[in-house]
């Protein structure tokens, strides 16, 4: 564990008990999800990190890696209302948020407008293949993701709590797709890469999915408990050196910053904004809470750094010419950071 300066940071006794409960619930939750999902432990940890932090996550992976099943199973184990939206080129904003219809009162004969809630009114919304719909429809999620409400015809409707958007994106099919704008990417706390399974995992997947067994999943945590755990995550102490390290790391992705290394100045057009610093600290707190630890450390920041930063760095033409991606830049920045020093 990376060292931090000794600061008198403590959490309440009640929170210690809740931390222990969270750590046990995490194991039980992973056990239940593993009944349907084989492997992908890092991705599942990332999804849980985002959920406990109250953030959203973007899952990037080729077809057939059980991204949709992963999200729906997690929602089932958390007893949360789940909604899936298949993003297509003809999808309209009202198909997501809802629309007003004229409704007639059969007793009086009077007609009035009535708002019909769209699929976004759920606890976990799966935006499947989010880059397959035009920017106009993608933008329908912006207010919901940031403010947790939807405005239609001048009326604002609150979304259920807790509320998360978990989106999927296919990295290899670019025909007929609409890349997410930076403003929308920035609203995703984490971008999680869903890799191919190992050989042993794939053999197990084939055996399990070609049989006749039905794998049921039981509820581990309900919505009320989850909200308590979200507040607990925010009460986890973050020492000053950790906050300084997170802010410095985010600022180093900005080519005009005084602390930016030479390779960032050469290859990056735009770096991460302040949300990255916030999510680095919040993600570190969530990781500590998931382990049942009462304080976040540098290793926690390092564990979420790549997922927080990779979609917030925009490389320039020089990087493309040199074959350097945003992932490469972020990975190099993380690798050369002195995590033991803390600043």
C-alpha atoms as a PDB file:
ATOM      1  CA  UNK A   1       0.000   0.000   0.000  1.00  0.00           C
ATOM      2  CA  UNK A   2       1.389   3.424  -0.941  1.00  0.00           C
ATOM      3  CA  UNK A   3       2.208   5.638   2.003  1.00  0.00           C
ATOM      4  CA  UNK A   4       0.348   8.768   3.037  1.00  0.00           C
ATOM      5  CA  UNK A   5       1.189  11.402   5.577  1.00  0.00           C
ATOM      6  CA  UNK A   6      -0.261  10.601   8.977  1.00  0.00           C
ATOM      7  CA  UNK A   7      -3.441  12.633   9.409  1.00  0.00           C
ATOM      8  CA  UNK A   8      -6.039  12.181  12.168  1.00  0.00           C
ATOM      9  CA  UNK A   9      -8.753  11.011   9.785  1.00  0.00           C
ATOM     10  CA  UNK A  10     -11.367   8.690  11.244  1.00  0.00           C
ATOM     11  CA  UNK A  11     -14.854   7.489  10.446  1.00  0.00           C
ATOM     12  CA  UNK A  12     -17.726   6.963  12.868  1.00  0.00           C
ATOM     13  CA  UNK A  13     -18.264   3.611  14.582  1.00  0.00           C
ATOM     14  CA  UNK A  14     -21.566   3.148  12.755  1.00  0.00           C
ATOM     15  CA  UNK A  15     -19.713   3.587   9.480  1.00  0.00           C
ATOM     16  CA  UNK A  16     -17.202   0.895  10.472  1.00  0.00           C
ATOM     17  CA  UNK A  17     -20.080  -1.587  10.812  1.00  0.00           C
ATOM     18  CA  UNK A  18     -21.514  -0.460   7.475  1.00  0.00           C
ATOM     19  CA  UNK A  19     -18.088  -0.866   5.862  1.00  0.00           C
ATOM     20  CA  UNK A  20     -17.918  -4.464   7.050  1.00  0.00           C
ATOM     21  CA  UNK A  21     -21.422  -5.047   5.705  1.00  0.00           C
ATOM     22  CA  UNK A  22     -20.415  -3.535   2.341  1.00  0.00           C
ATOM     23  CA  UNK A  23     -17.323  -5.724   2.043  1.00  0.00           C
ATOM     24  CA  UNK A  24     -19.396  -8.850   2.767  1.00  0.00           C
ATOM     25  CA  UNK A  25     -22.124  -7.696   0.383  1.00  0.00           C
ATOM     26  CA  UNK A  26     -19.571  -7.161  -2.353  1.00  0.00           C
ATOM     27  CA  UNK A  27     -18.422 -10.769  -2.106  1.00  0.00           C
ATOM     28  CA  UNK A  28     -21.999 -12.040  -2.052  1.00  0.00           C
ATOM     29  CA  UNK A  29     -22.869  -9.809  -5.008  1.00  0.00           C
ATOM     30  CA  UNK A  30     -19.932 -11.051  -7.069  1.00  0.00           C
ATOM     31  CA  UNK A  31     -20.861 -14.639  -6.209  1.00  0.00           C
ATOM     32  CA  UNK A  32     -24.387 -14.079  -7.518  1.00  0.00           C
ATOM     33  CA  UNK A  33     -23.271 -12.288 -10.689  1.00  0.00           C
ATOM     34  CA  UNK A  34     -20.688 -15.028 -11.323  1.00  0.00           C
ATOM     35  CA  UNK A  35     -23.552 -17.506 -11.634  1.00  0.00           C
ATOM     36  CA  UNK A  36     -24.176 -15.992 -15.071  1.00  0.00           C
ATOM     37  CA  UNK A  37     -20.980 -14.085 -15.883  1.00  0.00           C
ATOM     38  CA  UNK A  38     -17.713 -16.013 -16.083  1.00  0.00           C
ATOM     39  CA  UNK A  39     -14.572 -13.945 -15.586  1.00  0.00           C
ATOM     40  CA  UNK A  40     -14.610 -10.164 -16.248  1.00  0.00           C
ATOM     41  CA  UNK A  41     -13.898  -9.469 -12.559  1.00  0.00           C
ATOM     42  CA  UNK A  42     -12.169  -6.144 -13.284  1.00  0.00           C
ATOM     43  CA  UNK A  43     -15.118  -4.926 -15.367  1.00  0.00           C
ATOM     44  CA  UNK A  44     -17.610  -5.964 -12.682  1.00  0.00           C
ATOM     45  CA  UNK A  45     -15.510  -4.191 -10.051  1.00  0.00           C
ATOM     46  CA  UNK A  46     -15.518  -1.111 -12.273  1.00  0.00           C
ATOM     47  CA  UNK A  47     -19.298  -1.186 -12.650  1.00  0.00           C
ATOM     48  CA  UNK A  48     -19.702  -1.556  -8.889  1.00  0.00           C
ATOM     49  CA  UNK A  49     -17.225   1.282  -8.301  1.00  0.00           C
ATOM     50  CA  UNK A  50     -19.259   3.576 -10.545  1.00  0.00           C
ATOM     51  CA  UNK A  51     -22.553   2.546  -8.920  1.00  0.00           C
ATOM     52  CA  UNK A  52     -21.266   3.146  -5.380  1.00  0.00           C
ATOM     53  CA  UNK A  53     -19.842   6.495  -6.476  1.00  0.00           C
ATOM     54  CA  UNK A  54     -23.150   7.535  -8.019  1.00  0.00           C
ATOM     55  CA  UNK A  55     -21.470   7.786 -11.442  1.00  0.00           C
ATOM     56  CA  UNK A  56     -22.074   6.403 -14.904  1.00  0.00           C
ATOM     57  CA  UNK A  57     -19.931   3.958 -16.871  1.00  0.00           C
ATOM     58  CA  UNK A  58     -19.222   3.325 -20.547  1.00  0.00           C
ATOM     59  CA  UNK A  59     -18.460  -0.304 -21.447  1.00  0.00           C
ATOM     60  CA  UNK A  60     -16.378  -0.721 -24.604  1.00  0.00           C
ATOM     61  CA  UNK A  61     -16.016  -4.159 -26.151  1.00  0.00           C
ATOM     62  CA  UNK A  62     -16.670  -6.245 -29.249  1.00  0.00           C
ATOM     63  CA  UNK A  63     -20.026  -8.035 -29.658  1.00  0.00           C
ATOM     64  CA  UNK A  64     -20.678 -11.222 -27.732  1.00  0.00           C
ATOM     65  CA  UNK A  65     -18.841 -10.422 -24.499  1.00  0.00           C
ATOM     66  CA  UNK A  66     -22.008 -10.366 -22.357  1.00  0.00           C
ATOM     67  CA  UNK A  67     -21.983  -6.627 -21.723  1.00  0.00           C
ATOM     68  CA  UNK A  68     -25.783  -6.449 -21.674  1.00  0.00           C
ATOM     69  CA  UNK A  69     -26.117  -9.562 -19.506  1.00  0.00           C
ATOM     70  CA  UNK A  70     -23.510  -8.156 -17.134  1.00  0.00           C
ATOM     71  CA  UNK A  71     -25.529  -4.991 -16.529  1.00  0.00           C
ATOM     72  CA  UNK A  72     -28.925  -6.692 -16.286  1.00  0.00           C
ATOM     73  CA  UNK A  73     -27.587  -9.308 -13.851  1.00  0.00           C
ATOM     74  CA  UNK A  74     -26.024  -6.608 -11.669  1.00  0.00           C
ATOM     75  CA  UNK A  75     -29.376  -4.776 -11.608  1.00  0.00           C
ATOM     76  CA  UNK A  76     -31.158  -7.992 -10.620  1.00  0.00           C
ATOM     77  CA  UNK A  77     -28.740  -8.691  -7.772  1.00  0.00           C
ATOM     78  CA  UNK A  78     -29.244  -5.112  -6.550  1.00  0.00           C
ATOM     79  CA  UNK A  79     -33.048  -5.284  -6.856  1.00  0.00           C
ATOM     80  CA  UNK A  80     -33.048  -2.171  -9.038  1.00  0.00           C
ATOM     81  CA  UNK A  81     -35.487  -1.303 -11.809  1.00  0.00           C
ATOM     82  CA  UNK A  82     -33.680  -2.043 -15.065  1.00  0.00           C
ATOM     83  CA  UNK A  83     -34.384  -0.536 -18.469  1.00  0.00           C
ATOM     84  CA  UNK A  84     -32.661  -1.286 -21.773  1.00  0.00           C
ATOM     85  CA  UNK A  85     -32.661   1.115 -24.717  1.00  0.00           C
ATOM     86  CA  UNK A  86     -31.323  -0.137 -28.047  1.00  0.00           C
ATOM     87  CA  UNK A  87     -29.805   2.913 -29.721  1.00  0.00           C
ATOM     88  CA  UNK A  88     -30.444   3.009 -33.477  1.00  0.00           C
ATOM     89  CA  UNK A  89     -30.121   5.751 -36.138  1.00  0.00           C
ATOM     90  CA  UNK A  90     -33.901   6.361 -36.143  1.00  0.00           C
ATOM     91  CA  UNK A  91     -34.249   6.634 -32.345  1.00  0.00           C
ATOM     92  CA  UNK A  92     -35.781   9.953 -31.236  1.00  0.00           C
ATOM     93  CA  UNK A  93     -35.147  11.813 -27.932  1.00  0.00           C
ATOM     94  CA  UNK A  94     -38.762  11.253 -26.867  1.00  0.00           C
ATOM     95  CA  UNK A  95     -38.239   7.496 -27.290  1.00  0.00           C
ATOM     96  CA  UNK A  96     -35.881   7.766 -24.317  1.00  0.00           C
ATOM     97  CA  UNK A  97     -37.279  10.509 -22.120  1.00  0.00           C
ATOM     98  CA  UNK A  98     -40.996  10.035 -22.795  1.00  0.00           C
ATOM     99  CA  UNK A  99     -43.656  12.049 -24.559  1.00  0.00           C
ATOM    100  CA  UNK A 100     -46.906  13.890 -23.968  1.00  0.00           C
ATOM    101  CA  UNK A 101     -50.108  12.351 -25.277  1.00  0.00           C
ATOM    102  CA  UNK A 102     -53.662  13.630 -25.366  1.00  0.00           C
ATOM    103  CA  UNK A 103     -55.799  11.648 -22.952  1.00  0.00           C
ATOM    104  CA  UNK A 104     -59.575  11.806 -22.715  1.00  0.00           C
ATOM    105  CA  UNK A 105     -61.401  11.533 -19.398  1.00  0.00           C
ATOM    106  CA  UNK A 106     -64.183   9.027 -20.075  1.00  0.00           C
ATOM    107  CA  UNK A 107     -66.419  10.459 -17.330  1.00  0.00           C
ATOM    108  CA  UNK A 108     -66.225  14.147 -18.319  1.00  0.00           C
ATOM    109  CA  UNK A 109     -65.189  13.889 -21.966  1.00  0.00           C
ATOM    110  CA  UNK A 110     -62.465  16.461 -21.394  1.00  0.00           C
ATOM    111  CA  UNK A 111     -59.081  16.052 -23.016  1.00  0.00           C
ATOM    112  CA  UNK A 112     -55.751  16.892 -21.436  1.00  0.00           C
ATOM    113  CA  UNK A 113     -52.084  16.299 -22.059  1.00  0.00           C
ATOM    114  CA  UNK A 114     -50.539  13.459 -20.085  1.00  0.00           C
ATOM    115  CA  UNK A 115     -46.806  12.743 -19.894  1.00  0.00           C
ATOM    116  CA  UNK A 116     -45.905   9.103 -20.494  1.00  0.00           C
ATOM    117  CA  UNK A 117     -42.578   8.224 -18.889  1.00  0.00           C
ATOM    118  CA  UNK A 118     -39.915   6.834 -21.188  1.00  0.00           C
ATOM    119  CA  UNK A 119     -37.456   4.031 -20.428  1.00  0.00           C
ATOM    120  CA  UNK A 120     -35.033   6.470 -18.811  1.00  0.00           C
ATOM    121  CA  UNK A 121     -37.248   6.406 -15.705  1.00  0.00           C
ATOM    122  CA  UNK A 122     -35.438   3.470 -14.145  1.00  0.00           C
ATOM    123  CA  UNK A 123     -32.647   2.930 -11.620  1.00  0.00           C
ATOM    124  CA  UNK A 124     -30.220   1.400 -14.125  1.00  0.00           C
ATOM    125  CA  UNK A 125     -30.564   2.413 -17.760  1.00  0.00           C
ATOM    126  CA  UNK A 126     -28.579   0.387 -20.278  1.00  0.00           C
ATOM    127  CA  UNK A 127     -27.843   2.557 -23.315  1.00  0.00           C
ATOM    128  CA  UNK A 128     -26.946  -0.231 -25.722  1.00  0.00           C
ATOM    129  CA  UNK A 129     -24.618   0.786 -28.585  1.00  0.00           C
ATOM    130  CA  UNK A 130     -24.955   4.434 -27.653  1.00  0.00           C
ATOM    131  CA  UNK A 131     -22.820   5.604 -30.590  1.00  0.00           C
ATOM    132  CA  UNK A 132     -25.324   4.250 -33.145  1.00  0.00           C
ATOM    133  CA  UNK A 133     -27.777   7.122 -32.681  1.00  0.00           C
ATOM    134  CA  UNK A 134     -27.373  10.745 -33.859  1.00  0.00           C
ATOM    135  CA  UNK A 135     -26.128  13.508 -31.494  1.00  0.00           C
ATOM    136  CA  UNK A 136     -29.665  14.906 -31.100  1.00  0.00           C
ATOM    137  CA  UNK A 137     -30.784  11.682 -29.437  1.00  0.00           C
ATOM    138  CA  UNK A 138     -27.525  11.177 -27.537  1.00  0.00           C
ATOM    139  CA  UNK A 139     -28.068  14.632 -26.032  1.00  0.00           C
ATOM    140  CA  UNK A 140     -31.352  13.439 -24.512  1.00  0.00           C
ATOM    141  CA  UNK A 141     -29.246  11.764 -21.831  1.00  0.00           C
ATOM    142  CA  UNK A 142     -27.219  14.849 -20.867  1.00  0.00           C
ATOM    143  CA  UNK A 143     -29.671  16.406 -18.391  1.00  0.00           C
ATOM    144  CA  UNK A 144     -30.586  13.011 -16.942  1.00  0.00           C
ATOM    145  CA  UNK A 145     -26.953  12.012 -16.364  1.00  0.00           C
ATOM    146  CA  UNK A 146     -25.964  15.313 -14.760  1.00  0.00           C
ATOM    147  CA  UNK A 147     -29.070  16.490 -12.920  1.00  0.00           C
ATOM    148  CA  UNK A 148     -31.043  13.238 -12.522  1.00  0.00           C
ATOM    149  CA  UNK A 149     -34.213  14.718 -13.976  1.00  0.00           C
ATOM    150  CA  UNK A 150     -35.952  15.146 -17.330  1.00  0.00           C
ATOM    151  CA  UNK A 151     -37.655  18.261 -18.695  1.00  0.00           C
ATOM    152  CA  UNK A 152     -40.526  17.875 -21.161  1.00  0.00           C
ATOM    153  CA  UNK A 153     -42.920  20.610 -22.329  1.00  0.00           C
ATOM    154  CA  UNK A 154     -41.635  22.941 -19.624  1.00  0.00           C
ATOM    155  CA  UNK A 155     -42.164  20.501 -16.764  1.00  0.00           C
ATOM    156  CA  UNK A 156     -39.285  18.847 -14.923  1.00  0.00           C
ATOM    157  CA  UNK A 157     -39.707  15.266 -13.751  1.00  0.00           C
ATOM    158  CA  UNK A 158     -37.299  13.724 -11.198  1.00  0.00           C
ATOM    159  CA  UNK A 159     -35.733  10.375 -12.006  1.00  0.00           C
ATOM    160  CA  UNK A 160     -35.757   7.437  -9.565  1.00  0.00           C
ATOM    161  CA  UNK A 161     -32.992   7.274  -7.006  1.00  0.00           C
ATOM    162  CA  UNK A 162     -30.468   5.760  -7.313  1.00  0.00           C
ATOM    163  CA  UNK A 163     -29.983   6.422 -11.039  1.00  0.00           C
ATOM    164  CA  UNK A 164     -27.191   5.209 -13.327  1.00  0.00           C
ATOM    165  CA  UNK A 165     -26.547   5.108 -17.040  1.00  0.00           C
ATOM    166  CA  UNK A 166     -24.424   2.163 -18.144  1.00  0.00           C
ATOM    167  CA  UNK A 167     -23.720   2.483 -21.859  1.00  0.00           C
ATOM    168  CA  UNK A 168     -22.103   0.054 -24.285  1.00  0.00           C
ATOM    169  CA  UNK A 169     -20.074   0.819 -27.357  1.00  0.00           C
ATOM    170  CA  UNK A 170     -18.588  -1.372 -30.075  1.00  0.00           C
ATOM    171  CA  UNK A 171     -14.987  -0.262 -30.828  1.00  0.00           C
ATOM    172  CA  UNK A 172     -14.644  -1.962 -34.224  1.00  0.00           C
ATOM    173  CA  UNK A 173     -17.759  -0.980 -36.177  1.00  0.00           C
ATOM    174  CA  UNK A 174     -17.445   2.646 -37.217  1.00  0.00           C
ATOM    175  CA  UNK A 175     -19.782   2.579 -40.252  1.00  0.00           C
ATOM    176  CA  UNK A 176     -22.986   4.445 -39.490  1.00  0.00           C
ATOM    177  CA  UNK A 177     -21.898   5.476 -35.994  1.00  0.00           C
ATOM    178  CA  UNK A 178     -21.800   8.856 -34.292  1.00  0.00           C
ATOM    179  CA  UNK A 179     -18.847   9.266 -31.887  1.00  0.00           C
ATOM    180  CA  UNK A 180     -19.895  10.691 -28.538  1.00  0.00           C
ATOM    181  CA  UNK A 181     -18.943  14.360 -28.114  1.00  0.00           C
ATOM    182  CA  UNK A 182     -16.421  15.209 -25.408  1.00  0.00           C
ATOM    183  CA  UNK A 183     -19.114  16.909 -23.275  1.00  0.00           C
ATOM    184  CA  UNK A 184     -21.048  13.656 -23.106  1.00  0.00           C
ATOM    185  CA  UNK A 185     -17.993  11.450 -22.610  1.00  0.00           C
ATOM    186  CA  UNK A 186     -17.045  13.634 -19.656  1.00  0.00           C
ATOM    187  CA  UNK A 187     -20.296  12.711 -17.923  1.00  0.00           C
ATOM    188  CA  UNK A 188     -19.208   9.084 -17.745  1.00  0.00           C
ATOM    189  CA  UNK A 189     -17.193   8.498 -14.605  1.00  0.00           C
ATOM    190  CA  UNK A 190     -15.413   5.444 -16.032  1.00  0.00           C
ATOM    191  CA  UNK A 191     -14.719   3.964 -19.431  1.00  0.00           C
ATOM    192  CA  UNK A 192     -14.314   0.225 -18.925  1.00  0.00           C
ATOM    193  CA  UNK A 193     -12.688  -1.982 -21.542  1.00  0.00           C
ATOM    194  CA  UNK A 194     -14.366  -5.393 -21.775  1.00  0.00           C
ATOM    195  CA  UNK A 195     -11.668  -7.863 -22.940  1.00  0.00           C
ATOM    196  CA  UNK A 196     -11.946 -11.284 -24.539  1.00  0.00           C
ATOM    197  CA  UNK A 197     -12.186 -14.136 -22.008  1.00  0.00           C
ATOM    198  CA  UNK A 198      -9.188 -16.379 -21.404  1.00  0.00           C
ATOM    199  CA  UNK A 199      -9.121 -19.824 -23.026  1.00  0.00           C
ATOM    200  CA  UNK A 200     -10.207 -21.549 -19.804  1.00  0.00           C
ATOM    201  CA  UNK A 201     -12.980 -18.989 -19.242  1.00  0.00           C
ATOM    202  CA  UNK A 202     -14.248 -19.354 -22.797  1.00  0.00           C
ATOM    203  CA  UNK A 203     -14.396 -23.138 -22.446  1.00  0.00           C
ATOM    204  CA  UNK A 204     -16.416 -22.708 -19.239  1.00  0.00           C
ATOM    205  CA  UNK A 205     -18.698 -20.183 -20.956  1.00  0.00           C
ATOM    206  CA  UNK A 206     -19.417 -22.613 -23.771  1.00  0.00           C
ATOM    207  CA  UNK A 207     -20.140 -25.453 -21.346  1.00  0.00           C
ATOM    208  CA  UNK A 208     -22.463 -23.336 -19.188  1.00  0.00           C
ATOM    209  CA  UNK A 209     -24.384 -21.644 -22.012  1.00  0.00           C
ATOM    210  CA  UNK A 210     -24.997 -24.718 -24.149  1.00  0.00           C
ATOM    211  CA  UNK A 211     -26.651 -26.698 -21.362  1.00  0.00           C
ATOM    212  CA  UNK A 212     -30.201 -26.624 -20.025  1.00  0.00           C
ATOM    213  CA  UNK A 213     -29.469 -25.240 -16.552  1.00  0.00           C
ATOM    214  CA  UNK A 214     -31.113 -21.977 -15.536  1.00  0.00           C
ATOM    215  CA  UNK A 215     -28.979 -19.784 -13.300  1.00  0.00           C
ATOM    216  CA  UNK A 216     -31.122 -17.720 -10.952  1.00  0.00           C
ATOM    217  CA  UNK A 217     -29.750 -14.682  -9.148  1.00  0.00           C
ATOM    218  CA  UNK A 218     -30.936 -13.604  -5.710  1.00  0.00           C
ATOM    219  CA  UNK A 219     -31.003 -10.068  -4.354  1.00  0.00           C
ATOM    220  CA  UNK A 220     -28.004  -9.058  -2.259  1.00  0.00           C
ATOM    221  CA  UNK A 221     -28.494  -5.309  -1.733  1.00  0.00           C
ATOM    222  CA  UNK A 222     -31.679  -3.294  -2.189  1.00  0.00           C
ATOM    223  CA  UNK A 223     -32.053   0.309  -3.342  1.00  0.00           C
ATOM    224  CA  UNK A 224     -32.292   1.745   0.178  1.00  0.00           C
ATOM    225  CA  UNK A 225     -29.102  -0.014   1.292  1.00  0.00           C
ATOM    226  CA  UNK A 226     -27.347   1.106  -1.859  1.00  0.00           C
ATOM    227  CA  UNK A 227     -28.185   4.742  -1.164  1.00  0.00           C
ATOM    228  CA  UNK A 228     -26.771   4.354   2.354  1.00  0.00           C
ATOM    229  CA  UNK A 229     -23.582   2.879   0.905  1.00  0.00           C
ATOM    230  CA  UNK A 230     -23.264   5.754  -1.575  1.00  0.00           C
ATOM    231  CA  UNK A 231     -23.351   8.217   1.318  1.00  0.00           C
ATOM    232  CA  UNK A 232     -20.844   6.039   3.171  1.00  0.00           C
ATOM    233  CA  UNK A 233     -18.429   6.221   0.213  1.00  0.00           C
ATOM    234  CA  UNK A 234     -18.534  10.014   0.354  1.00  0.00           C
ATOM    235  CA  UNK A 235     -17.762   9.917   4.098  1.00  0.00           C
ATOM    236  CA  UNK A 236     -14.601   7.857   3.532  1.00  0.00           C
ATOM    237  CA  UNK A 237     -11.651  10.178   4.343  1.00  0.00           C
ATOM    238  CA  UNK A 238      -9.339  11.297   1.531  1.00  0.00           C
ATOM    239  CA  UNK A 239      -6.039  12.606   2.933  1.00  0.00           C
ATOM    240  CA  UNK A 240      -4.619  15.844   1.531  1.00  0.00           C
ATOM    241  CA  UNK A 241      -1.681  14.105  -0.230  1.00  0.00           C
ATOM    242  CA  UNK A 242      -4.154  11.847  -2.047  1.00  0.00           C
ATOM    243  CA  UNK A 243      -6.244  14.811  -3.202  1.00  0.00           C
ATOM    244  CA  UNK A 244      -3.108  16.653  -4.346  1.00  0.00           C
ATOM    245  CA  UNK A 245      -1.906  13.587  -6.264  1.00  0.00           C
ATOM    246  CA  UNK A 246      -5.278  13.146  -7.987  1.00  0.00           C
ATOM    247  CA  UNK A 247      -5.478  16.804  -8.985  1.00  0.00           C
ATOM    248  CA  UNK A 248      -1.877  16.816 -10.210  1.00  0.00           C
ATOM    249  CA  UNK A 249      -2.435  13.672 -12.293  1.00  0.00           C
ATOM    250  CA  UNK A 250      -5.510  15.176 -13.968  1.00  0.00           C
ATOM    251  CA  UNK A 251      -3.736  18.486 -14.600  1.00  0.00           C
ATOM    252  CA  UNK A 252      -0.767  16.714 -16.148  1.00  0.00           C
ATOM    253  CA  UNK A 253      -3.007  15.563 -19.003  1.00  0.00           C
ATOM    254  CA  UNK A 254      -3.432  19.223 -20.060  1.00  0.00           C
ATOM    255  CA  UNK A 255      -0.718  20.231 -22.538  1.00  0.00           C
ATOM    256  CA  UNK A 256      -0.663  23.882 -21.414  1.00  0.00           C
ATOM    257  CA  UNK A 257      -0.266  23.056 -17.724  1.00  0.00           C
ATOM    258  CA  UNK A 258       3.132  23.864 -16.203  1.00  0.00           C
ATOM    259  CA  UNK A 259       3.451  20.290 -14.828  1.00  0.00           C
ATOM    260  CA  UNK A 260       2.560  18.566 -18.101  1.00  0.00           C
ATOM    261  CA  UNK A 261       5.359  16.228 -19.264  1.00  0.00           C
ATOM    262  CA  UNK A 262       6.910  16.661 -22.701  1.00  0.00           C
ATOM    263  CA  UNK A 263       5.040  13.751 -24.323  1.00  0.00           C
ATOM    264  CA  UNK A 264       1.701  15.269 -23.241  1.00  0.00           C
ATOM    265  CA  UNK A 265       2.665  18.634 -24.729  1.00  0.00           C
ATOM    266  CA  UNK A 266       3.633  16.890 -27.950  1.00  0.00           C
ATOM    267  CA  UNK A 267       0.709  14.509 -28.411  1.00  0.00           C
ATOM    268  CA  UNK A 268      -2.342  15.911 -26.553  1.00  0.00           C
ATOM    269  CA  UNK A 269      -4.751  18.574 -27.790  1.00  0.00           C
ATOM    270  CA  UNK A 270      -7.045  18.658 -24.760  1.00  0.00           C
ATOM    271  CA  UNK A 271      -6.697  17.077 -21.341  1.00  0.00           C
ATOM    272  CA  UNK A 272      -9.076  16.046 -18.598  1.00  0.00           C
ATOM    273  CA  UNK A 273     -11.226  18.629 -16.832  1.00  0.00           C
ATOM    274  CA  UNK A 274     -12.034  19.016 -13.117  1.00  0.00           C
ATOM    275  CA  UNK A 275     -14.529  16.124 -13.205  1.00  0.00           C
ATOM    276  CA  UNK A 276     -11.538  13.816 -13.631  1.00  0.00           C
ATOM    277  CA  UNK A 277     -10.011  15.030 -10.351  1.00  0.00           C
ATOM    278  CA  UNK A 278     -13.339  14.559  -8.579  1.00  0.00           C
ATOM    279  CA  UNK A 279     -13.831  11.064  -9.978  1.00  0.00           C
ATOM    280  CA  UNK A 280     -10.261  10.004  -9.176  1.00  0.00           C
ATOM    281  CA  UNK A 281     -10.874  10.783  -5.500  1.00  0.00           C
ATOM    282  CA  UNK A 282     -14.439   9.466  -5.441  1.00  0.00           C
ATOM    283  CA  UNK A 283     -13.383   6.283  -7.234  1.00  0.00           C
ATOM    284  CA  UNK A 284     -10.541   5.802  -4.760  1.00  0.00           C
ATOM    285  CA  UNK A 285     -12.998   6.145  -1.876  1.00  0.00           C
ATOM    286  CA  UNK A 286     -15.322   3.583  -3.480  1.00  0.00           C
ATOM    287  CA  UNK A 287     -12.453   1.111  -3.936  1.00  0.00           C
ATOM    288  CA  UNK A 288     -11.475   1.483  -0.298  1.00  0.00           C
ATOM    289  CA  UNK A 289     -15.080   0.991   0.821  1.00  0.00           C
ATOM    290  CA  UNK A 290     -15.450  -2.130  -1.328  1.00  0.00           C
ATOM    291  CA  UNK A 291     -12.424  -3.600   0.439  1.00  0.00           C
ATOM    292  CA  UNK A 292     -13.852  -2.645   3.841  1.00  0.00           C
ATOM    293  CA  UNK A 293     -11.053  -0.140   4.470  1.00  0.00           C
ATOM    294  CA  UNK A 294     -11.809   3.100   6.369  1.00  0.00           C
ATOM    295  CA  UNK A 295      -9.540   5.359   4.303  1.00  0.00           C
ATOM    296  CA  UNK A 296      -8.540   5.647   0.643  1.00  0.00           C
ATOM    297  CA  UNK A 297      -4.878   5.434  -0.362  1.00  0.00           C
ATOM    298  CA  UNK A 298      -2.697   6.037  -3.423  1.00  0.00           C
ATOM    299  CA  UNK A 299      -3.170   2.506  -4.713  1.00  0.00           C
ATOM    300  CA  UNK A 300      -6.900   3.187  -4.892  1.00  0.00           C
ATOM    301  CA  UNK A 301      -6.305   6.272  -7.033  1.00  0.00           C
ATOM    302  CA  UNK A 302      -3.961   4.313  -9.279  1.00  0.00           C
ATOM    303  CA  UNK A 303      -6.507   1.497  -9.683  1.00  0.00           C
ATOM    304  CA  UNK A 304      -9.152   3.837 -11.153  1.00  0.00           C
ATOM    305  CA  UNK A 305      -6.867   6.315 -12.928  1.00  0.00           C
ATOM    306  CA  UNK A 306      -6.841   4.642 -16.334  1.00  0.00           C
ATOM    307  CA  UNK A 307     -10.628   4.202 -16.486  1.00  0.00           C
ATOM    308  CA  UNK A 308     -11.210   7.787 -15.337  1.00  0.00           C
ATOM    309  CA  UNK A 309      -8.756   9.453 -17.722  1.00  0.00           C
ATOM    310  CA  UNK A 310      -8.659   7.400 -20.934  1.00  0.00           C
ATOM    311  CA  UNK A 311     -11.823   8.891 -22.476  1.00  0.00           C
ATOM    312  CA  UNK A 312     -11.029  12.430 -21.334  1.00  0.00           C
ATOM    313  CA  UNK A 313      -7.773  12.874 -23.245  1.00  0.00           C
ATOM    314  CA  UNK A 314      -7.940  14.071 -26.869  1.00  0.00           C
ATOM    315  CA  UNK A 315      -4.802  13.353 -28.888  1.00  0.00           C
ATOM    316  CA  UNK A 316      -3.623  15.456 -31.816  1.00  0.00           C
ATOM    317  CA  UNK A 317      -2.453  14.667 -35.349  1.00  0.00           C
ATOM    318  CA  UNK A 318       1.132  14.153 -34.188  1.00  0.00           C
ATOM    319  CA  UNK A 319      -0.031  11.365 -31.892  1.00  0.00           C
ATOM    320  CA  UNK A 320      -2.014   9.708 -34.664  1.00  0.00           C
ATOM    321  CA  UNK A 321       0.992   9.927 -36.987  1.00  0.00           C
ATOM    322  CA  UNK A 322       3.185   8.355 -34.298  1.00  0.00           C
ATOM    323  CA  UNK A 323       0.631   5.633 -33.571  1.00  0.00           C
ATOM    324  CA  UNK A 324      -0.005   6.910 -30.037  1.00  0.00           C
ATOM    325  CA  UNK A 325      -3.534   6.621 -28.622  1.00  0.00           C
ATOM    326  CA  UNK A 326      -5.108   8.350 -25.634  1.00  0.00           C
ATOM    327  CA  UNK A 327      -4.804   5.047 -23.753  1.00  0.00           C
ATOM    328  CA  UNK A 328      -1.050   4.977 -24.427  1.00  0.00           C
ATOM    329  CA  UNK A 329      -0.640   8.530 -23.161  1.00  0.00           C
ATOM    330  CA  UNK A 330      -2.632   7.881 -19.994  1.00  0.00           C
ATOM    331  CA  UNK A 331      -0.834   4.602 -19.318  1.00  0.00           C
ATOM    332  CA  UNK A 332       2.577   6.279 -19.666  1.00  0.00           C
ATOM    333  CA  UNK A 333       1.499   9.108 -17.379  1.00  0.00           C
ATOM    334  CA  UNK A 334       0.292   6.671 -14.706  1.00  0.00           C
ATOM    335  CA  UNK A 335       3.435   4.544 -14.983  1.00  0.00           C
ATOM    336  CA  UNK A 336       5.784   7.489 -14.481  1.00  0.00           C
ATOM    337  CA  UNK A 337       3.867   8.964 -11.527  1.00  0.00           C
ATOM    338  CA  UNK A 338       5.606   8.738  -8.156  1.00  0.00           C
ATOM    339  CA  UNK A 339       2.722   7.203  -6.204  1.00  0.00           C
ATOM    340  CA  UNK A 340       4.806   6.754  -3.077  1.00  0.00           C
ATOM    341  CA  UNK A 341       5.598  10.479  -3.055  1.00  0.00           C
ATOM    342  CA  UNK A 342       1.956  11.455  -3.236  1.00  0.00           C
ATOM    343  CA  UNK A 343       2.341  14.768  -5.025  1.00  0.00           C
END
